[in-house]
Amino acid sequence: MIRYPAVAGSFYPADESLIEMLEEFFSDLGKAGGERRITAGVAPHAGYIFSGYTASRTYKAIFEDGLPETFVILGPNHTGLGSPIAIYPEGTWLTPLGEIEVDGEMAKAIAKFSGIADLDELAHRYEHSIEVQVPFIQYLAEKAEKDVKIVPITLGIQDEEVSMALGKAIFEASRELDRDVVVIASTDFTHYGPVYGYVPFRARADELPHRIREWDFRVIRHILDFDVEGMFREIKKLNHTMCGPGGVGAAIVYSRLAGALEAELLHYTTSYEVSRSTEAVVGYASIVFRK
């Protein structure tokens, strides 16, 4: 089974300029590590021109820490297709950089332990939130000369219960299979502006990035504290438009069980820094969790 790219040529380049863009993002890349303290990361999933550099900070940290055997990537289901909690079962994913194998054994184990997820490819067919993460992984796996696999999971239901079930299931599956895993939570933060129908506060254009940063950091502070309950409480209180809280919650739960002790915000920006448009502004953050 091959999953073909759905957003190559729109969210990221479909030709040789993809390599050029990735090389620019990773121009400060250090040596491949081996200590393996990182348990999970948070990365955005917008077009690379807006959020690619921020996403690259998560993957740079993971590369320098040491690549795992398998990346379990959780992203929101924007299309509404397929199972509400869908694990891609097996096969390969294709991007302009080539194919990457799905860890089918790990996928089945997560589904078994979770009790709530289905093995389903339909939910992934046109979804971009996981696809845009894959070229980062492929590029760095090539640099490290290491075979790396992925387990893509889309979430159409995102709440504390789902986060707890999936985070525990990923940990239990990794332990049963003796698999070295890093969890990637694919999410953007505030979606602000008339395009999104969401204007929680008014601000001059020059104040907007700062105000959105403040808005996002009310949620991010709970993430950095490993506080899943507090994160969901703050999202509900603010009516926050972060699109992937379920995956972030699962990453926190997995990290706790895997022995993580600290979390670090590596980079934060907004789309306004590129677009200069107040019609649609989105916040992006790069975060890692470490033992």
C-alpha atoms as a PDB file:
ATOM      1  CA  MET A   1       0.000   0.000   0.000  1.00  0.00           C
ATOM      2  CA  ILE A   2       1.412   3.397  -1.028  1.00  0.00           C
ATOM      3  CA  ARG A   3       0.119   6.697   0.289  1.00  0.00           C
ATOM      4  CA  TYR A   4       0.747   9.305  -2.408  1.00  0.00           C
ATOM      5  CA  PRO A   5       1.408  12.969  -1.545  1.00  0.00           C
ATOM      6  CA  ALA A   6      -1.687  15.178  -1.390  1.00  0.00           C
ATOM      7  CA  VAL A   7      -0.124  18.608  -0.811  1.00  0.00           C
ATOM      8  CA  ALA A   8       3.276  18.468  -2.540  1.00  0.00           C
ATOM      9  CA  GLY A   9       3.446  21.543  -4.729  1.00  0.00           C
ATOM     10  CA  SER A  10       1.219  23.575  -2.428  1.00  0.00           C
ATOM     11  CA  PHE A  11       2.273  23.246   1.210  1.00  0.00           C
ATOM     12  CA  TYR A  12       5.849  22.398   0.211  1.00  0.00           C
ATOM     13  CA  PRO A  13       7.746  22.132  -3.087  1.00  0.00           C
ATOM     14  CA  ALA A  14       7.278  19.089  -5.302  1.00  0.00           C
ATOM     15  CA  ASP A  15      10.599  19.508  -7.135  1.00  0.00           C
ATOM     16  CA  GLU A  16      14.309  19.928  -6.391  1.00  0.00           C
ATOM     17  CA  SER A  17      13.614  23.216  -4.606  1.00  0.00           C
ATOM     18  CA  LEU A  18      12.351  21.118  -1.664  1.00  0.00           C
ATOM     19  CA  ILE A  19      15.929  20.013  -0.969  1.00  0.00           C
ATOM     20  CA  GLU A  20      17.138  23.595  -1.318  1.00  0.00           C
ATOM     21  CA  MET A  21      14.520  24.772   1.168  1.00  0.00           C
ATOM     22  CA  LEU A  22      15.379  22.025   3.666  1.00  0.00           C
ATOM     23  CA  GLU A  23      19.088  22.757   3.335  1.00  0.00           C
ATOM     24  CA  GLU A  24      18.374  26.380   4.161  1.00  0.00           C
ATOM     25  CA  PHE A  25      16.263  25.415   7.199  1.00  0.00           C
ATOM     26  CA  PHE A  26      19.029  23.086   8.428  1.00  0.00           C
ATOM     27  CA  SER A  27      22.031  25.254   7.563  1.00  0.00           C
ATOM     28  CA  ASP A  28      23.013  25.217  11.249  1.00  0.00           C
ATOM     29  CA  LEU A  29      22.560  21.452  11.681  1.00  0.00           C
ATOM     30  CA  GLY A  30      25.030  19.867  14.077  1.00  0.00           C
ATOM     31  CA  LYS A  31      26.289  16.292  14.219  1.00  0.00           C
ATOM     32  CA  ALA A  32      23.945  13.321  14.503  1.00  0.00           C
ATOM     33  CA  GLY A  33      23.684  12.375  18.154  1.00  0.00           C
ATOM     34  CA  GLY A  34      23.174   9.153  20.039  1.00  0.00           C
ATOM     35  CA  GLU A  35      22.286  10.074  23.591  1.00  0.00           C
ATOM     36  CA  ARG A  36      18.538   9.872  22.902  1.00  0.00           C
ATOM     37  CA  ARG A  37      16.998  12.012  25.618  1.00  0.00           C
ATOM     38  CA  ILE A  38      14.150  13.439  23.505  1.00  0.00           C
ATOM     39  CA  THR A  39      10.859  11.574  23.867  1.00  0.00           C
ATOM     40  CA  ALA A  40       8.532  13.792  21.837  1.00  0.00           C
ATOM     41  CA  GLY A  41       8.239  17.030  19.903  1.00  0.00           C
ATOM     42  CA  VAL A  42       5.650  19.544  18.769  1.00  0.00           C
ATOM     43  CA  ALA A  43       5.875  20.934  15.214  1.00  0.00           C
ATOM     44  CA  PRO A  44       3.558  23.049  13.032  1.00  0.00           C
ATOM     45  CA  HIS A  45       2.011  21.894   9.769  1.00  0.00           C
ATOM     46  CA  ALA A  46       1.361  24.996   7.657  1.00  0.00           C
ATOM     47  CA  GLY A  47       3.007  25.790   4.345  1.00  0.00           C
ATOM     48  CA  TYR A  48       6.779  25.641   4.661  1.00  0.00           C
ATOM     49  CA  ILE A  49       7.109  29.317   3.720  1.00  0.00           C
ATOM     50  CA  PHE A  50       5.229  30.195   6.910  1.00  0.00           C
ATOM     51  CA  SER A  51       6.127  27.488   9.436  1.00  0.00           C
ATOM     52  CA  GLY A  52       8.895  25.376   7.912  1.00  0.00           C
ATOM     53  CA  TYR A  53      11.718  26.995   9.846  1.00  0.00           C
ATOM     54  CA  THR A  54       9.849  26.602  13.130  1.00  0.00           C
ATOM     55  CA  ALA A  55       9.178  22.923  12.380  1.00  0.00           C
ATOM     56  CA  SER A  56      12.829  22.427  11.499  1.00  0.00           C
ATOM     57  CA  ARG A  57      13.867  23.444  15.011  1.00  0.00           C
ATOM     58  CA  THR A  58      12.067  20.413  16.449  1.00  0.00           C
ATOM     59  CA  TYR A  59      13.706  18.074  13.945  1.00  0.00           C
ATOM     60  CA  LYS A  60      17.153  19.671  14.330  1.00  0.00           C
ATOM     61  CA  ALA A  61      16.999  18.986  18.066  1.00  0.00           C
ATOM     62  CA  ILE A  62      15.919  15.379  17.467  1.00  0.00           C
ATOM     63  CA  PHE A  63      18.667  14.805  14.877  1.00  0.00           C
ATOM     64  CA  GLU A  64      21.359  16.138  17.209  1.00  0.00           C
ATOM     65  CA  ASP A  65      19.914  14.063  20.053  1.00  0.00           C
ATOM     66  CA  GLY A  66      19.821  10.907  17.908  1.00  0.00           C
ATOM     67  CA  LEU A  67      17.127   9.683  15.527  1.00  0.00           C
ATOM     68  CA  PRO A  68      14.770   6.992  16.841  1.00  0.00           C
ATOM     69  CA  GLU A  69      13.733   3.820  15.030  1.00  0.00           C
ATOM     70  CA  THR A  70      10.153   5.054  14.615  1.00  0.00           C
ATOM     71  CA  PHE A  71       8.399   8.416  14.593  1.00  0.00           C
ATOM     72  CA  VAL A  72       4.778   8.199  15.754  1.00  0.00           C
ATOM     73  CA  ILE A  73       3.161  11.281  14.187  1.00  0.00           C
ATOM     74  CA  LEU A  74      -0.208  12.511  15.445  1.00  0.00           C
ATOM     75  CA  GLY A  75      -2.080  15.174  13.517  1.00  0.00           C
ATOM     76  CA  PRO A  76      -5.603  16.583  13.372  1.00  0.00           C
ATOM     77  CA  ASN A  77      -8.025  15.269  10.776  1.00  0.00           C
ATOM     78  CA  HIS A  78      -9.021  18.363   8.762  1.00  0.00           C
ATOM     79  CA  THR A  79     -10.905  16.453   6.057  1.00  0.00           C
ATOM     80  CA  GLY A  80     -13.455  14.554   8.173  1.00  0.00           C
ATOM     81  CA  LEU A  81     -12.809  11.377   6.192  1.00  0.00           C
ATOM     82  CA  GLY A  82     -12.304   7.945   7.713  1.00  0.00           C
ATOM     83  CA  SER A  83     -12.203   6.803  11.297  1.00  0.00           C
ATOM     84  CA  PRO A  84     -12.248   9.463  14.059  1.00  0.00           C
ATOM     85  CA  ILE A  85      -8.980   7.996  15.371  1.00  0.00           C
ATOM     86  CA  ALA A  86      -7.145   6.462  12.457  1.00  0.00           C
ATOM     87  CA  ILE A  87      -3.772   4.713  12.425  1.00  0.00           C
ATOM     88  CA  TYR A  88      -2.252   4.147   8.991  1.00  0.00           C
ATOM     89  CA  PRO A  89      -1.887   0.373   8.973  1.00  0.00           C
ATOM     90  CA  GLU A  90       1.109  -0.532   6.786  1.00  0.00           C
ATOM     91  CA  GLY A  91       2.933   0.107   3.541  1.00  0.00           C
ATOM     92  CA  THR A  92       4.867   3.227   2.525  1.00  0.00           C
ATOM     93  CA  TRP A  93       4.350   6.974   2.224  1.00  0.00           C
ATOM     94  CA  LEU A  94       5.659   8.720  -0.864  1.00  0.00           C
ATOM     95  CA  THR A  95       6.967  12.301  -1.005  1.00  0.00           C
ATOM     96  CA  PRO A  96       9.189  14.081  -3.539  1.00  0.00           C
ATOM     97  CA  LEU A  97      12.130  12.726  -1.484  1.00  0.00           C
ATOM     98  CA  GLY A  98      11.088   9.109  -2.022  1.00  0.00           C
ATOM     99  CA  GLU A  99       9.378   6.466   0.094  1.00  0.00           C
ATOM    100  CA  ILE A 100       9.386   5.931   3.846  1.00  0.00           C
ATOM    101  CA  GLU A 101       8.109   2.754   5.445  1.00  0.00           C
ATOM    102  CA  VAL A 102       5.201   2.610   7.857  1.00  0.00           C
ATOM    103  CA  ASP A 103       5.976   0.582  10.993  1.00  0.00           C
ATOM    104  CA  GLY A 104       3.021  -1.772  10.598  1.00  0.00           C
ATOM    105  CA  GLU A 105       3.930  -3.819  13.661  1.00  0.00           C
ATOM    106  CA  MET A 106       3.928  -0.698  15.824  1.00  0.00           C
ATOM    107  CA  ALA A 107       0.702   0.557  14.227  1.00  0.00           C
ATOM    108  CA  LYS A 108      -1.127  -2.657  15.098  1.00  0.00           C
ATOM    109  CA  ALA A 109       0.241  -2.663  18.642  1.00  0.00           C
ATOM    110  CA  ILE A 110      -0.901   0.921  19.281  1.00  0.00           C
ATOM    111  CA  ALA A 111      -4.372   0.093  17.981  1.00  0.00           C
ATOM    112  CA  LYS A 112      -4.503  -2.980  20.232  1.00  0.00           C
ATOM    113  CA  PHE A 113      -3.428  -1.190  23.389  1.00  0.00           C
ATOM    114  CA  SER A 114      -5.508   1.956  22.793  1.00  0.00           C
ATOM    115  CA  GLY A 115      -8.899   0.295  22.456  1.00  0.00           C
ATOM    116  CA  ILE A 116     -10.153   3.396  20.617  1.00  0.00           C
ATOM    117  CA  ALA A 117      -8.146   3.615  17.378  1.00  0.00           C
ATOM    118  CA  ASP A 118      -8.838   1.934  14.047  1.00  0.00           C
ATOM    119  CA  LEU A 119      -6.408   0.809  11.375  1.00  0.00           C
ATOM    120  CA  ASP A 120      -7.648   3.005   8.537  1.00  0.00           C
ATOM    121  CA  GLU A 121      -5.958   4.580   5.529  1.00  0.00           C
ATOM    122  CA  LEU A 122      -8.883   6.675   4.265  1.00  0.00           C
ATOM    123  CA  ALA A 123      -8.517   9.333   6.969  1.00  0.00           C
ATOM    124  CA  HIS A 124      -4.934   9.923   5.762  1.00  0.00           C
ATOM    125  CA  ARG A 125      -5.531  10.058   2.021  1.00  0.00           C
ATOM    126  CA  TYR A 126      -5.862  13.852   1.659  1.00  0.00           C
ATOM    127  CA  GLU A 127      -4.783  15.036   5.118  1.00  0.00           C
ATOM    128  CA  HIS A 128      -1.843  17.450   5.223  1.00  0.00           C
ATOM    129  CA  SER A 129      -1.027  17.670   8.944  1.00  0.00           C
ATOM    130  CA  ILE A 130       1.136  14.538   8.928  1.00  0.00           C
ATOM    131  CA  GLU A 131       2.336  14.647   5.330  1.00  0.00           C
ATOM    132  CA  VAL A 132       4.188  17.928   5.806  1.00  0.00           C
ATOM    133  CA  GLN A 133       6.236  16.390   8.650  1.00  0.00           C
ATOM    134  CA  VAL A 134       7.543  13.523   6.534  1.00  0.00           C
ATOM    135  CA  PRO A 135      10.106  15.338   4.312  1.00  0.00           C
ATOM    136  CA  PHE A 136      11.868  16.654   7.443  1.00  0.00           C
ATOM    137  CA  ILE A 137      12.241  13.090   8.699  1.00  0.00           C
ATOM    138  CA  GLN A 138      13.367  11.743   5.312  1.00  0.00           C
ATOM    139  CA  TYR A 139      15.939  14.497   4.853  1.00  0.00           C
ATOM    140  CA  LEU A 140      17.501  13.913   8.266  1.00  0.00           C
ATOM    141  CA  ALA A 141      17.377  10.109   8.012  1.00  0.00           C
ATOM    142  CA  GLU A 142      19.403  10.443   4.808  1.00  0.00           C
ATOM    143  CA  LYS A 143      21.869  12.723   6.586  1.00  0.00           C
ATOM    144  CA  ALA A 144      22.221  10.231   9.456  1.00  0.00           C
ATOM    145  CA  GLU A 145      22.337   7.251   7.066  1.00  0.00           C
ATOM    146  CA  LYS A 146      19.690   5.557   9.183  1.00  0.00           C
ATOM    147  CA  ASP A 147      16.538   3.649   8.285  1.00  0.00           C
ATOM    148  CA  VAL A 148      13.600   5.290  10.038  1.00  0.00           C
ATOM    149  CA  LYS A 149       9.927   4.321   9.999  1.00  0.00           C
ATOM    150  CA  ILE A 150       6.736   6.230  10.762  1.00  0.00           C
ATOM    151  CA  VAL A 151       3.339   5.540  12.305  1.00  0.00           C
ATOM    152  CA  PRO A 152       0.832   8.200  11.150  1.00  0.00           C
ATOM    153  CA  ILE A 153      -2.234   8.762  13.367  1.00  0.00           C
ATOM    154  CA  THR A 154      -5.007  11.262  12.570  1.00  0.00           C
ATOM    155  CA  LEU A 155      -7.362  12.533  15.250  1.00  0.00           C
ATOM    156  CA  GLY A 156     -10.892  13.669  14.504  1.00  0.00           C
ATOM    157  CA  ILE A 157     -11.689  13.521  18.221  1.00  0.00           C
ATOM    158  CA  GLN A 158      -9.369  15.483  20.488  1.00  0.00           C
ATOM    159  CA  ASP A 159      -9.909  15.517  24.214  1.00  0.00           C
ATOM    160  CA  GLU A 160      -8.150  14.545  27.421  1.00  0.00           C
ATOM    161  CA  GLU A 161      -9.457  10.966  27.326  1.00  0.00           C
ATOM    162  CA  VAL A 162      -8.153  10.397  23.799  1.00  0.00           C
ATOM    163  CA  SER A 163      -4.785  11.890  24.751  1.00  0.00           C
ATOM    164  CA  MET A 164      -4.490   9.605  27.778  1.00  0.00           C
ATOM    165  CA  ALA A 165      -5.484   6.474  25.843  1.00  0.00           C
ATOM    166  CA  LEU A 166      -3.138   7.111  22.908  1.00  0.00           C
ATOM    167  CA  GLY A 167      -0.183   8.283  24.999  1.00  0.00           C
ATOM    168  CA  LYS A 168      -0.389   5.142  27.136  1.00  0.00           C
ATOM    169  CA  ALA A 169      -0.914   2.920  24.093  1.00  0.00           C
ATOM    170  CA  ILE A 170       2.176   4.296  22.323  1.00  0.00           C
ATOM    171  CA  PHE A 171       4.255   3.717  25.450  1.00  0.00           C
ATOM    172  CA  GLU A 172       2.938   0.184  25.984  1.00  0.00           C
ATOM    173  CA  ALA A 173       3.434  -0.704  22.323  1.00  0.00           C
ATOM    174  CA  SER A 174       6.986   0.637  22.306  1.00  0.00           C
ATOM    175  CA  ARG A 175       7.776  -1.366  25.443  1.00  0.00           C
ATOM    176  CA  GLU A 176       6.218  -4.582  24.125  1.00  0.00           C
ATOM    177  CA  LEU A 177       8.109  -4.309  20.823  1.00  0.00           C
ATOM    178  CA  ASP A 178      11.273  -2.844  22.375  1.00  0.00           C
ATOM    179  CA  ARG A 179      10.949   0.004  19.875  1.00  0.00           C
ATOM    180  CA  ASP A 180      12.862   3.284  20.186  1.00  0.00           C
ATOM    181  CA  VAL A 181      10.178   5.910  19.532  1.00  0.00           C
ATOM    182  CA  VAL A 182       9.795   9.683  19.276  1.00  0.00           C
ATOM    183  CA  VAL A 183       6.254  11.084  19.205  1.00  0.00           C
ATOM    184  CA  ILE A 184       5.575  14.102  16.984  1.00  0.00           C
ATOM    185  CA  ALA A 185       2.474  16.178  17.723  1.00  0.00           C
ATOM    186  CA  SER A 186       1.589  18.121  14.580  1.00  0.00           C
ATOM    187  CA  THR A 187      -0.305  21.285  15.480  1.00  0.00           C
ATOM    188  CA  ASP A 188      -0.687  24.963  14.763  1.00  0.00           C
ATOM    189  CA  PHE A 189      -1.793  27.334  17.504  1.00  0.00           C
ATOM    190  CA  THR A 190      -4.078  30.385  17.296  1.00  0.00           C
ATOM    191  CA  HIS A 191      -6.007  30.774  14.033  1.00  0.00           C
ATOM    192  CA  TYR A 192      -6.913  34.473  14.109  1.00  0.00           C
ATOM    193  CA  GLY A 193      -8.815  36.660  11.679  1.00  0.00           C
ATOM    194  CA  PRO A 194     -11.912  37.000   9.493  1.00  0.00           C
ATOM    195  CA  VAL A 195     -10.823  34.109   7.257  1.00  0.00           C
ATOM    196  CA  TYR A 196     -11.153  31.800  10.287  1.00  0.00           C
ATOM    197  CA  GLY A 197     -14.165  33.603  11.720  1.00  0.00           C
ATOM    198  CA  TYR A 198     -12.258  34.097  14.959  1.00  0.00           C
ATOM    199  CA  VAL A 199     -11.282  37.523  16.294  1.00  0.00           C
ATOM    200  CA  PRO A 200     -11.022  37.123  20.096  1.00  0.00           C
ATOM    201  CA  PHE A 201      -9.411  40.535  20.559  1.00  0.00           C
ATOM    202  CA  ARG A 202      -8.768  43.678  18.546  1.00  0.00           C
ATOM    203  CA  ALA A 203      -5.265  44.944  17.938  1.00  0.00           C
ATOM    204  CA  ARG A 204      -3.366  47.158  15.530  1.00  0.00           C
ATOM    205  CA  ALA A 205      -1.463  45.239  12.878  1.00  0.00           C
ATOM    206  CA  ASP A 206       1.889  46.022  14.498  1.00  0.00           C
ATOM    207  CA  GLU A 207       0.600  44.711  17.860  1.00  0.00           C
ATOM    208  CA  LEU A 208      -1.000  41.557  16.491  1.00  0.00           C
ATOM    209  CA  PRO A 209       1.959  39.109  16.604  1.00  0.00           C
ATOM    210  CA  HIS A 210       2.657  40.078  20.212  1.00  0.00           C
ATOM    211  CA  ARG A 211      -0.988  39.716  21.233  1.00  0.00           C
ATOM    212  CA  ILE A 212      -1.306  36.315  19.535  1.00  0.00           C
ATOM    213  CA  ARG A 213       1.937  35.207  21.198  1.00  0.00           C
ATOM    214  CA  GLU A 214       0.445  36.126  24.592  1.00  0.00           C
ATOM    215  CA  TRP A 215      -2.732  34.210  23.687  1.00  0.00           C
ATOM    216  CA  ASP A 216      -0.771  31.124  22.631  1.00  0.00           C
ATOM    217  CA  PHE A 217       1.564  31.211  25.604  1.00  0.00           C
ATOM    218  CA  ARG A 218      -1.409  30.804  27.929  1.00  0.00           C
ATOM    219  CA  VAL A 219      -1.706  27.312  26.418  1.00  0.00           C
ATOM    220  CA  ILE A 220       2.011  26.678  25.836  1.00  0.00           C
ATOM    221  CA  ARG A 221       2.855  27.211  29.516  1.00  0.00           C
ATOM    222  CA  HIS A 222       0.703  24.185  30.374  1.00  0.00           C
ATOM    223  CA  ILE A 223       2.449  22.128  27.686  1.00  0.00           C
ATOM    224  CA  LEU A 224       5.842  23.040  29.118  1.00  0.00           C
ATOM    225  CA  ASP A 225       4.553  21.954  32.549  1.00  0.00           C
ATOM    226  CA  PHE A 226       3.386  18.552  31.190  1.00  0.00           C
ATOM    227  CA  ASP A 227      -0.094  19.626  32.277  1.00  0.00           C
ATOM    228  CA  VAL A 228      -2.581  17.930  29.948  1.00  0.00           C
ATOM    229  CA  GLU A 229      -5.609  18.760  32.098  1.00  0.00           C
ATOM    230  CA  GLY A 230      -4.548  22.406  32.374  1.00  0.00           C
ATOM    231  CA  MET A 231      -3.936  22.639  28.621  1.00  0.00           C
ATOM    232  CA  PHE A 232      -7.440  21.442  27.775  1.00  0.00           C
ATOM    233  CA  ARG A 233      -8.937  23.640  30.505  1.00  0.00           C
ATOM    234  CA  GLU A 234      -7.171  26.721  29.094  1.00  0.00           C
ATOM    235  CA  ILE A 235      -8.242  25.872  25.534  1.00  0.00           C
ATOM    236  CA  LYS A 236     -11.852  25.617  26.652  1.00  0.00           C
ATOM    237  CA  LYS A 237     -11.643  28.795  28.723  1.00  0.00           C
ATOM    238  CA  LEU A 238     -10.211  30.828  25.846  1.00  0.00           C
ATOM    239  CA  ASN A 239     -12.149  29.084  23.084  1.00  0.00           C
ATOM    240  CA  HIS A 240      -8.644  28.663  21.676  1.00  0.00           C
ATOM    241  CA  THR A 241      -8.271  27.559  18.061  1.00  0.00           C
ATOM    242  CA  MET A 242      -5.204  25.342  18.425  1.00  0.00           C
ATOM    243  CA  CYS A 243      -5.957  22.516  15.985  1.00  0.00           C
ATOM    244  CA  GLY A 244      -3.987  19.575  17.423  1.00  0.00           C
ATOM    245  CA  PRO A 245      -4.365  19.475  21.216  1.00  0.00           C
ATOM    246  CA  GLY A 246      -5.116  15.749  21.238  1.00  0.00           C
ATOM    247  CA  GLY A 247      -1.768  14.907  19.703  1.00  0.00           C
ATOM    248  CA  VAL A 248       0.058  17.261  22.050  1.00  0.00           C
ATOM    249  CA  GLY A 249      -1.716  15.693  25.018  1.00  0.00           C
ATOM    250  CA  ALA A 250      -0.718  12.210  23.836  1.00  0.00           C
ATOM    251  CA  ALA A 251       2.887  13.364  23.410  1.00  0.00           C
ATOM    252  CA  ILE A 252       2.896  14.658  26.993  1.00  0.00           C
ATOM    253  CA  VAL A 253       1.382  11.450  28.384  1.00  0.00           C
ATOM    254  CA  TYR A 254       3.872   9.309  26.454  1.00  0.00           C
ATOM    255  CA  SER A 255       6.760  11.511  27.574  1.00  0.00           C
ATOM    256  CA  ARG A 256       5.783  11.255  31.230  1.00  0.00           C
ATOM    257  CA  LEU A 257       5.662   7.459  31.003  1.00  0.00           C
ATOM    258  CA  ALA A 258       8.972   7.388  29.107  1.00  0.00           C
ATOM    259  CA  GLY A 259      10.669   9.337  31.896  1.00  0.00           C
ATOM    260  CA  ALA A 260      10.802  12.849  30.458  1.00  0.00           C
ATOM    261  CA  LEU A 261      11.627  15.524  33.012  1.00  0.00           C
ATOM    262  CA  GLU A 262      11.800  18.753  31.033  1.00  0.00           C
ATOM    263  CA  ALA A 263      10.206  20.523  28.092  1.00  0.00           C
ATOM    264  CA  GLU A 264      11.686  23.355  26.039  1.00  0.00           C
ATOM    265  CA  LEU A 265      10.167  25.874  23.661  1.00  0.00           C
ATOM    266  CA  LEU A 266      12.683  26.153  20.816  1.00  0.00           C
ATOM    267  CA  HIS A 267      10.979  28.629  18.504  1.00  0.00           C
ATOM    268  CA  TYR A 268       7.762  30.583  18.144  1.00  0.00           C
ATOM    269  CA  THR A 269       6.455  32.745  15.308  1.00  0.00           C
ATOM    270  CA  THR A 270       3.284  33.689  13.459  1.00  0.00           C
ATOM    271  CA  SER A 271       2.320  33.715   9.796  1.00  0.00           C
ATOM    272  CA  TYR A 272       2.069  37.512  10.016  1.00  0.00           C
ATOM    273  CA  GLU A 273       5.879  37.679   9.982  1.00  0.00           C
ATOM    274  CA  VAL A 274       5.718  36.461   6.359  1.00  0.00           C
ATOM    275  CA  SER A 275       2.291  37.451   5.046  1.00  0.00           C
ATOM    276  CA  ARG A 276       1.783  40.818   6.802  1.00  0.00           C
ATOM    277  CA  SER A 277      -1.927  40.062   6.502  1.00  0.00           C
ATOM    278  CA  THR A 278      -4.353  40.481   9.392  1.00  0.00           C
ATOM    279  CA  GLU A 279      -7.070  38.543   7.557  1.00  0.00           C
ATOM    280  CA  ALA A 280      -5.592  35.204   8.642  1.00  0.00           C
ATOM    281  CA  VAL A 281      -2.845  34.898  11.250  1.00  0.00           C
ATOM    282  CA  VAL A 282      -1.670  31.570  12.688  1.00  0.00           C
ATOM    283  CA  GLY A 283       0.744  30.872  15.544  1.00  0.00           C
ATOM    284  CA  TYR A 284       3.475  28.224  15.315  1.00  0.00           C
ATOM    285  CA  ALA A 285       5.643  26.656  18.016  1.00  0.00           C
ATOM    286  CA  SER A 286       8.505  24.168  18.188  1.00  0.00           C
ATOM    287  CA  ILE A 287       8.728  22.233  21.470  1.00  0.00           C
ATOM    288  CA  VAL A 288      10.664  19.154  22.636  1.00  0.00           C
ATOM    289  CA  PHE A 289      10.359  16.940  25.720  1.00  0.00           C
ATOM    290  CA  ARG A 290      13.474  15.340  27.228  1.00  0.00           C
ATOM    291  CA  LYS A 291      14.426  12.743  29.807  1.00  0.00           C
END
